Amino acid sequence: MFNTIIGLAAFAAIALIGWAIAEIKGKACGYEKNQMEKDVDEQQAQFLHKNGFHELSIKDVIKSISTKGFKTT
């Protein structure tokens, strides 16, 4: 019984330490796009919009996916 409690406490401690390291790493190592990447993104967005691309609303997505299951024939 005592070994089980120690094992669970050790597991929880290791999990919390790993989670804290991941959170700190995510905040410490930021990424910012350079000007060339921003220019390429803008060119791609203009190309997509020029060729008729538009973002779907949630209503459009619900219409196009199977939310009620498959129809059997």
Protein backbone atom coordinates (compact mmCIF):
# COMPACT_ATOMS: atom_id res chain seq x y z
CA MET A 1 0.00 0.00 0.00
CA PHE A 2 2.78 2.40 0.95
CA ASN A 3 4.73 1.56 -2.24
CA THR A 4 1.67 2.33 -4.33
CA ILE A 5 1.29 5.77 -2.78
CA ILE A 6 4.98 6.52 -3.30
CA GLY A 7 4.73 5.35 -6.91
CA LEU A 8 1.70 7.52 -7.62
CA ALA A 9 3.33 10.53 -5.96
CA ALA A 10 6.52 10.01 -7.97
CA PHE A 11 4.51 9.67 -11.19
CA ALA A 12 2.57 12.87 -10.43
CA ALA A 13 5.77 14.75 -9.58
CA ILE A 14 7.49 13.65 -12.80
CA ALA A 15 4.41 14.53 -14.85
CA LEU A 16 4.19 18.00 -13.28
CA ILE A 17 7.89 18.65 -13.80
CA GLY A 18 7.63 17.59 -17.46
CA TRP A 19 4.58 19.77 -17.96
CA ALA A 20 6.34 22.78 -16.38
CA ILE A 21 9.39 22.30 -18.61
CA ALA A 22 7.18 22.15 -21.70
CA GLU A 23 5.34 25.33 -20.69
CA ILE A 24 8.56 27.22 -20.00
CA LYS A 25 10.13 26.06 -23.24
CA GLY A 26 7.08 27.18 -25.22
CA LYS A 27 7.22 30.66 -23.73
CA ALA A 28 11.00 31.04 -23.91
CA CYS A 29 11.43 29.89 -27.51
CA GLY A 30 9.20 32.14 -29.59
CA TYR A 31 9.17 32.25 -33.38
CA GLU A 32 8.62 35.33 -35.45
CA LYS A 33 8.37 35.32 -39.24
CA ASN A 34 10.91 37.34 -41.18
CA GLN A 35 9.89 39.76 -43.93
CA MET A 36 10.42 37.25 -46.75
CA GLU A 37 8.08 34.73 -45.09
CA LYS A 38 5.47 37.45 -44.54
CA ASP A 39 5.72 38.45 -48.22
CA VAL A 40 5.25 34.86 -49.38
CA ASP A 41 2.21 34.44 -47.12
CA GLU A 42 0.69 37.64 -48.51
CA GLN A 43 1.30 36.51 -52.12
CA GLN A 44 -0.32 33.14 -51.42
CA ALA A 45 -3.33 34.78 -49.78
CA GLN A 46 -3.77 37.12 -52.76
CA PHE A 47 -3.50 34.18 -55.18
CA LEU A 48 -6.12 32.18 -53.28
CA HIS A 49 -8.59 35.06 -53.05
CA LYS A 50 -8.08 35.93 -56.72
CA ASN A 51 -9.00 32.36 -57.69
CA GLY A 52 -12.25 32.28 -55.71
CA PHE A 53 -11.13 30.95 -52.32
CA HIS A 54 -13.30 31.83 -49.34
CA GLU A 55 -13.28 30.58 -45.78
CA LEU A 56 -16.16 28.36 -44.75
CA SER A 57 -18.40 29.34 -41.89
CA ILE A 58 -19.39 26.76 -39.31
CA LYS A 59 -22.77 26.38 -41.05
CA ASP A 60 -21.02 25.56 -44.34
CA VAL A 61 -18.82 23.00 -42.60
CA ILE A 62 -21.82 21.33 -40.94
CA LYS A 63 -23.55 21.07 -44.33
CA SER A 64 -20.53 19.40 -45.89
CA ILE A 65 -19.74 16.82 -43.19
CA SER A 66 -21.69 13.85 -41.97
CA THR A 67 -23.12 14.95 -38.63
CA LYS A 68 -26.08 12.60 -38.66
CA GLY A 69 -24.29 9.45 -39.78
CA PHE A 70 -24.34 7.77 -43.14
CA LYS A 71 -27.46 7.23 -45.17
CA THR A 72 -28.00 3.60 -46.07
CA THR A 73 -29.44 2.77 -49.46
